[in-house]
Amino acid sequence: MERSCTACHGLDTVQGNRGTVDDWTQTVNLMVSRGADLTDKEIPVVIQYLAKSFPPATQTAAPAPAKQ
């Protein structure tokens, strides 16, 4: 992701966005159509990474358990 996304965007751009798998699929496909350097095998990996790491605000991951 860093290689392909940060060629045009700062990490703040990616981190500032949130979305579902469908949202990220549309975004990644748009970026590929604009020249993002991703192979066909990398596209679904990036989509899954973004959807897991930057889900909609209502679907944020559960907090890590507290250390004892």
PDB file of N, CA and C in Angstrom:
ATOM      1  N   MET A   1       0.827  -1.190   0.000  1.00  0.00           N
ATOM      2  CA  MET A   1       0.000   0.000   0.000  1.00  0.00           C
ATOM      3  C   MET A   1       0.864   1.243   0.000  1.00  0.00           C
ATOM      4  N   GLU A   2       1.901   1.249   0.821  1.00  0.00           N
ATOM      5  CA  GLU A   2       2.742   2.444   0.869  1.00  0.00           C
ATOM      6  C   GLU A   2       3.335   2.754  -0.502  1.00  0.00           C
ATOM      7  N   ARG A   3       3.812   1.734  -1.190  1.00  0.00           N
ATOM      8  CA  ARG A   3       4.422   1.946  -2.503  1.00  0.00           C
ATOM      9  C   ARG A   3       3.418   2.518  -3.497  1.00  0.00           C
ATOM     10  N   SER A   4       2.222   1.969  -3.520  1.00  0.00           N
ATOM     11  CA  SER A   4       1.262   2.383  -4.532  1.00  0.00           C
ATOM     12  C   SER A   4       0.486   3.637  -4.151  1.00  0.00           C
ATOM     13  N   CYS A   5       0.089   3.771  -2.914  1.00  0.00           N
ATOM     14  CA  CYS A   5      -0.758   4.899  -2.517  1.00  0.00           C
ATOM     15  C   CYS A   5       0.037   6.170  -2.260  1.00  0.00           C
ATOM     16  N   THR A   6       1.171   6.034  -1.589  1.00  0.00           N
ATOM     17  CA  THR A   6       1.916   7.235  -1.216  1.00  0.00           C
ATOM     18  C   THR A   6       2.720   7.829  -2.362  1.00  0.00           C
ATOM     19  N   ALA A   7       2.675   7.187  -3.515  1.00  0.00           N
ATOM     20  CA  ALA A   7       3.288   7.807  -4.693  1.00  0.00           C
ATOM     21  C   ALA A   7       2.553   9.104  -5.033  1.00  0.00           C
ATOM     22  N   CYS A   8       1.262   9.148  -4.730  1.00  0.00           N
ATOM     23  CA  CYS A   8       0.449  10.336  -5.022  1.00  0.00           C
ATOM     24  C   CYS A   8      -0.149  10.986  -3.771  1.00  0.00           C
ATOM     25  N   HIS A   9      -0.341  10.202  -2.719  1.00  0.00           N
ATOM     26  CA  HIS A   9      -1.026  10.681  -1.522  1.00  0.00           C
ATOM     27  C   HIS A   9      -0.130  10.569  -0.301  1.00  0.00           C
ATOM     28  N   GLY A  10      -0.276  11.510   0.615  1.00  0.00           N
ATOM     29  CA  GLY A  10       0.356  11.376   1.913  1.00  0.00           C
ATOM     30  C   GLY A  10      -0.442  10.380   2.738  1.00  0.00           C
ATOM     31  N   LEU A  11       0.172   9.815   3.750  1.00  0.00           N
ATOM     32  CA  LEU A  11      -0.546   8.850   4.591  1.00  0.00           C
ATOM     33  C   LEU A  11      -1.754   9.481   5.267  1.00  0.00           C
ATOM     34  N   ASP A  12      -1.711  10.799   5.508  1.00  0.00           N
ATOM     35  CA  ASP A  12      -2.860  11.474   6.115  1.00  0.00           C
ATOM     36  C   ASP A  12      -4.106  11.337   5.246  1.00  0.00           C
ATOM     37  N   THR A  13      -3.923  11.318   3.928  1.00  0.00           N
ATOM     38  CA  THR A  13      -5.059  11.177   3.016  1.00  0.00           C
ATOM     39  C   THR A  13      -5.726   9.829   3.212  1.00  0.00           C
ATOM     40  N   VAL A  14      -4.927   8.784   3.258  1.00  0.00           N
ATOM     41  CA  VAL A  14      -5.482   7.442   3.434  1.00  0.00           C
ATOM     42  C   VAL A  14      -6.076   7.302   4.827  1.00  0.00           C
ATOM     43  N   GLN A  15      -5.354   7.731   5.840  1.00  0.00           N
ATOM     44  CA  GLN A  15      -5.810   7.579   7.211  1.00  0.00           C
ATOM     45  C   GLN A  15      -7.040   8.422   7.510  1.00  0.00           C
ATOM     46  N   GLY A  16      -7.253   9.468   6.754  1.00  0.00           N
ATOM     47  CA  GLY A  16      -8.399  10.342   6.966  1.00  0.00           C
ATOM     48  C   GLY A  16      -9.679   9.818   6.355  1.00  0.00           C
ATOM     49  N   ASN A  17      -9.584   8.745   5.585  1.00  0.00           N
ATOM     50  CA  ASN A  17     -10.754   8.157   4.939  1.00  0.00           C
ATOM     51  C   ASN A  17     -11.132   6.863   5.625  1.00  0.00           C
ATOM     52  N   ARG A  18     -12.407   6.572   5.614  1.00  0.00           N
ATOM     53  CA  ARG A  18     -12.924   5.334   6.197  1.00  0.00           C
ATOM     54  C   ARG A  18     -13.972   4.787   5.248  1.00  0.00           C
ATOM     55  N   GLY A  19     -14.111   3.476   5.226  1.00  0.00           N
ATOM     56  CA  GLY A  19     -15.125   2.909   4.346  1.00  0.00           C
ATOM     57  C   GLY A  19     -15.267   1.412   4.484  1.00  0.00           C
ATOM     58  N   THR A  20     -16.311   0.916   3.862  1.00  0.00           N
ATOM     59  CA  THR A  20     -16.578  -0.510   3.802  1.00  0.00           C
ATOM     60  C   THR A  20     -15.719  -1.125   2.702  1.00  0.00           C
ATOM     61  N   VAL A  21     -15.783  -2.434   2.576  1.00  0.00           N
ATOM     62  CA  VAL A  21     -15.077  -3.107   1.479  1.00  0.00           C
ATOM     63  C   VAL A  21     -15.547  -2.527   0.147  1.00  0.00           C
ATOM     64  N   ASP A  22     -16.848  -2.311  -0.002  1.00  0.00           N
ATOM     65  CA  ASP A  22     -17.374  -1.746  -1.249  1.00  0.00           C
ATOM     66  C   ASP A  22     -16.838  -0.340  -1.494  1.00  0.00           C
ATOM     67  N   ASP A  23     -16.779   0.466  -0.449  1.00  0.00           N
ATOM     68  CA  ASP A  23     -16.247   1.829  -0.585  1.00  0.00           C
ATOM     69  C   ASP A  23     -14.790   1.786  -1.048  1.00  0.00           C
ATOM     70  N   TRP A  24     -13.992   0.958  -0.385  1.00  0.00           N
ATOM     71  CA  TRP A  24     -12.574   0.876  -0.724  1.00  0.00           C
ATOM     72  C   TRP A  24     -12.369   0.254  -2.103  1.00  0.00           C
ATOM     73  N   THR A  25     -13.242  -0.671  -2.481  1.00  0.00           N
ATOM     74  CA  THR A  25     -13.147  -1.255  -3.825  1.00  0.00           C
ATOM     75  C   THR A  25     -13.333  -0.171  -4.875  1.00  0.00           C
ATOM     76  N   GLN A  26     -14.329   0.670  -4.690  1.00  0.00           N
ATOM     77  CA  GLN A  26     -14.568   1.761  -5.636  1.00  0.00           C
ATOM     78  C   GLN A  26     -13.377   2.715  -5.671  1.00  0.00           C
ATOM     79  N   THR A  27     -12.851   3.044  -4.503  1.00  0.00           N
ATOM     80  CA  THR A  27     -11.719   3.969  -4.432  1.00  0.00           C
ATOM     81  C   THR A  27     -10.485   3.389  -5.097  1.00  0.00           C
ATOM     82  N   VAL A  28     -10.163   2.145  -4.769  1.00  0.00           N
ATOM     83  CA  VAL A  28      -8.965   1.517  -5.341  1.00  0.00           C
ATOM     84  C   VAL A  28      -9.122   1.362  -6.849  1.00  0.00           C
ATOM     85  N   ASN A  29     -10.288   0.938  -7.306  1.00  0.00           N
ATOM     86  CA  ASN A  29     -10.498   0.809  -8.753  1.00  0.00           C
ATOM     87  C   ASN A  29     -10.368   2.150  -9.465  1.00  0.00           C
ATOM     88  N   LEU A  30     -10.850   3.206  -8.837  1.00  0.00           N
ATOM     89  CA  LEU A  30     -10.700   4.541  -9.416  1.00  0.00           C
ATOM     90  C   LEU A  30      -9.225   4.920  -9.498  1.00  0.00           C
ATOM     91  N   MET A  31      -8.488   4.648  -8.437  1.00  0.00           N
ATOM     92  CA  MET A  31      -7.059   4.989  -8.421  1.00  0.00           C
ATOM     93  C   MET A  31      -6.282   4.168  -9.459  1.00  0.00           C
ATOM     94  N   VAL A  32      -6.655   2.904  -9.633  1.00  0.00           N
ATOM     95  CA  VAL A  32      -6.013   2.075 -10.662  1.00  0.00           C
ATOM     96  C   VAL A  32      -6.303   2.659 -12.043  1.00  0.00           C
ATOM     97  N   SER A  33      -7.536   3.109 -12.256  1.00  0.00           N
ATOM     98  CA  SER A  33      -7.882   3.703 -13.558  1.00  0.00           C
ATOM     99  C   SER A  33      -7.122   4.999 -13.811  1.00  0.00           C
ATOM    100  N   ARG A  34      -6.648   5.621 -12.722  1.00  0.00           N
ATOM    101  CA  ARG A  34      -5.872   6.858 -12.834  1.00  0.00           C
ATOM    102  C   ARG A  34      -4.368   6.603 -12.839  1.00  0.00           C
ATOM    103  N   GLY A  35      -3.986   5.316 -12.814  1.00  0.00           N
ATOM    104  CA  GLY A  35      -2.574   4.995 -12.942  1.00  0.00           C
ATOM    105  C   GLY A  35      -1.887   4.450 -11.711  1.00  0.00           C
ATOM    106  N   ALA A  36      -2.637   4.123 -10.656  1.00  0.00           N
ATOM    107  CA  ALA A  36      -2.003   3.546  -9.463  1.00  0.00           C
ATOM    108  C   ALA A  36      -1.259   2.277  -9.861  1.00  0.00           C
ATOM    109  N   ASP A  37      -0.070   2.105  -9.312  1.00  0.00           N
ATOM    110  CA  ASP A  37       0.808   0.994  -9.660  1.00  0.00           C
ATOM    111  C   ASP A  37       0.486  -0.223  -8.800  1.00  0.00           C
ATOM    112  N   LEU A  38      -0.565  -0.954  -9.186  1.00  0.00           N
ATOM    113  CA  LEU A  38      -0.959  -2.174  -8.487  1.00  0.00           C
ATOM    114  C   LEU A  38      -1.161  -3.280  -9.510  1.00  0.00           C
ATOM    115  N   THR A  39      -0.703  -4.485  -9.162  1.00  0.00           N
ATOM    116  CA  THR A  39      -0.961  -5.632 -10.026  1.00  0.00           C
ATOM    117  C   THR A  39      -2.360  -6.152  -9.726  1.00  0.00           C
ATOM    118  N   ASP A  40      -2.861  -7.027 -10.595  1.00  0.00           N
ATOM    119  CA  ASP A  40      -4.179  -7.622 -10.367  1.00  0.00           C
ATOM    120  C   ASP A  40      -4.218  -8.401  -9.059  1.00  0.00           C
ATOM    121  N   LYS A  41      -3.107  -8.999  -8.664  1.00  0.00           N
ATOM    122  CA  LYS A  41      -3.056  -9.755  -7.410  1.00  0.00           C
ATOM    123  C   LYS A  41      -3.006  -8.832  -6.197  1.00  0.00           C
ATOM    124  N   GLU A  42      -2.433  -7.653  -6.366  1.00  0.00           N
ATOM    125  CA  GLU A  42      -2.313  -6.720  -5.240  1.00  0.00           C
ATOM    126  C   GLU A  42      -3.610  -5.985  -4.932  1.00  0.00           C
ATOM    127  N   ILE A  43      -4.451  -5.780  -5.919  1.00  0.00           N
ATOM    128  CA  ILE A  43      -5.670  -4.987  -5.736  1.00  0.00           C
ATOM    129  C   ILE A  43      -6.543  -5.509  -4.596  1.00  0.00           C
ATOM    130  N   PRO A  44      -6.914  -6.803  -4.582  1.00  0.00           N
ATOM    131  CA  PRO A  44      -7.760  -7.256  -3.473  1.00  0.00           C
ATOM    132  C   PRO A  44      -7.051  -7.230  -2.119  1.00  0.00           C
ATOM    133  N   VAL A  45      -5.743  -7.394  -2.117  1.00  0.00           N
ATOM    134  CA  VAL A  45      -4.986  -7.339  -0.864  1.00  0.00           C
ATOM    135  C   VAL A  45      -5.052  -5.928  -0.291  1.00  0.00           C
ATOM    136  N   VAL A  46      -4.871  -4.927  -1.129  1.00  0.00           N
ATOM    137  CA  VAL A  46      -4.932  -3.534  -0.688  1.00  0.00           C
ATOM    138  C   VAL A  46      -6.345  -3.191  -0.212  1.00  0.00           C
ATOM    139  N   ILE A  47      -7.345  -3.637  -0.950  1.00  0.00           N
ATOM    140  CA  ILE A  47      -8.734  -3.365  -0.562  1.00  0.00           C
ATOM    141  C   ILE A  47      -9.022  -3.951   0.821  1.00  0.00           C
ATOM    142  N   GLN A  48      -8.639  -5.192   1.039  1.00  0.00           N
ATOM    143  CA  GLN A  48      -8.883  -5.832   2.328  1.00  0.00           C
ATOM    144  C   GLN A  48      -8.120  -5.128   3.453  1.00  0.00           C
ATOM    145  N   TYR A  49      -6.883  -4.737   3.176  1.00  0.00           N
ATOM    146  CA  TYR A  49      -6.093  -4.022   4.176  1.00  0.00           C
ATOM    147  C   TYR A  49      -6.772  -2.710   4.560  1.00  0.00           C
ATOM    148  N   LEU A  50      -7.183  -1.942   3.561  1.00  0.00           N
ATOM    149  CA  LEU A  50      -7.818  -0.650   3.825  1.00  0.00           C
ATOM    150  C   LEU A  50      -9.140  -0.822   4.570  1.00  0.00           C
ATOM    151  N   ALA A  51      -9.945  -1.804   4.154  1.00  0.00           N
ATOM    152  CA  ALA A  51     -11.242  -2.032   4.797  1.00  0.00           C
ATOM    153  C   ALA A  51     -11.064  -2.467   6.249  1.00  0.00           C
ATOM    154  N   LYS A  52     -10.038  -3.262   6.517  1.00  0.00           N
ATOM    155  CA  LYS A  52      -9.792  -3.722   7.888  1.00  0.00           C
ATOM    156  C   LYS A  52      -9.177  -2.610   8.741  1.00  0.00           C
ATOM    157  N   SER A  53      -8.259  -1.861   8.155  1.00  0.00           N
ATOM    158  CA  SER A  53      -7.537  -0.832   8.907  1.00  0.00           C
ATOM    159  C   SER A  53      -8.298   0.473   9.043  1.00  0.00           C
ATOM    160  N   PHE A  54      -9.154   0.774   8.074  1.00  0.00           N
ATOM    161  CA  PHE A  54      -9.872   2.048   8.050  1.00  0.00           C
ATOM    162  C   PHE A  54     -11.356   1.814   7.766  1.00  0.00           C
ATOM    163  N   PRO A  55     -12.052   1.096   8.685  1.00  0.00           N
ATOM    164  CA  PRO A  55     -13.477   0.830   8.488  1.00  0.00           C
ATOM    165  C   PRO A  55     -14.304   2.083   8.777  1.00  0.00           C
ATOM    166  N   PRO A  56     -15.591   2.039   8.425  1.00  0.00           N
ATOM    167  CA  PRO A  56     -16.457   3.165   8.800  1.00  0.00           C
ATOM    168  C   PRO A  56     -16.399   3.385  10.304  1.00  0.00           C
ATOM    169  N   ALA A  57     -16.610   4.594  10.725  1.00  0.00           N
ATOM    170  CA  ALA A  57     -16.510   4.943  12.145  1.00  0.00           C
ATOM    171  C   ALA A  57     -17.412   4.073  13.013  1.00  0.00           C
ATOM    172  N   THR A  58     -18.538   3.636  12.492  1.00  0.00           N
ATOM    173  CA  THR A  58     -19.454   2.806  13.270  1.00  0.00           C
ATOM    174  C   THR A  58     -18.988   1.361  13.355  1.00  0.00           C
ATOM    175  N   GLN A  59     -17.941   0.996  12.591  1.00  0.00           N
ATOM    176  CA  GLN A  59     -17.458  -0.383  12.586  1.00  0.00           C
ATOM    177  C   GLN A  59     -16.008  -0.469  13.057  1.00  0.00           C
ATOM    178  N   THR A  60     -15.607   0.413  13.933  1.00  0.00           N
ATOM    179  CA  THR A  60     -14.230   0.382  14.394  1.00  0.00           C
ATOM    180  C   THR A  60     -13.959  -0.887  15.174  1.00  0.00           C
ATOM    181  N   ALA A  61     -12.740  -1.319  15.132  1.00  0.00           N
ATOM    182  CA  ALA A  61     -12.343  -2.543  15.827  1.00  0.00           C
ATOM    183  C   ALA A  61     -12.498  -2.377  17.326  1.00  0.00           C
ATOM    184  N   ALA A  62     -12.715  -3.494  17.980  1.00  0.00           N
ATOM    185  CA  ALA A  62     -12.817  -3.480  19.446  1.00  0.00           C
ATOM    186  C   ALA A  62     -11.472  -3.108  20.035  1.00  0.00           C
ATOM    187  N   PRO A  63     -11.464  -2.372  21.145  1.00  0.00           N
ATOM    188  CA  PRO A  63     -10.201  -1.996  21.755  1.00  0.00           C
ATOM    189  C   PRO A  63      -9.428  -3.219  22.240  1.00  0.00           C
ATOM    190  N   ALA A  64      -8.128  -3.109  22.234  1.00  0.00           N
ATOM    191  CA  ALA A  64      -7.284  -4.195  22.724  1.00  0.00           C
ATOM    192  C   ALA A  64      -7.507  -4.370  24.216  1.00  0.00           C
ATOM    193  N   PRO A  65      -7.405  -5.618  24.693  1.00  0.00           N
ATOM    194  CA  PRO A  65      -7.574  -5.828  26.127  1.00  0.00           C
ATOM    195  C   PRO A  65      -6.494  -5.105  26.917  1.00  0.00           C
ATOM    196  N   ALA A  66      -6.858  -4.626  28.091  1.00  0.00           N
ATOM    197  CA  ALA A  66      -5.900  -3.905  28.936  1.00  0.00           C
ATOM    198  C   ALA A  66      -4.834  -4.864  29.454  1.00  0.00           C
ATOM    199  N   LYS A  67      -3.617  -4.363  29.509  1.00  0.00           N
ATOM    200  CA  LYS A  67      -2.526  -5.165  30.077  1.00  0.00           C
ATOM    201  C   LYS A  67      -2.659  -5.165  31.578  1.00  0.00           C
ATOM    202  N   GLN A  68      -2.364  -6.308  32.177  1.00  0.00           N
ATOM    203  CA  GLN A  68      -2.471  -6.399  33.629  1.00  0.00           C
ATOM    204  C   GLN A  68      -1.109  -6.407  34.274  1.00  0.00           C
TER     205      GLN A  68
END
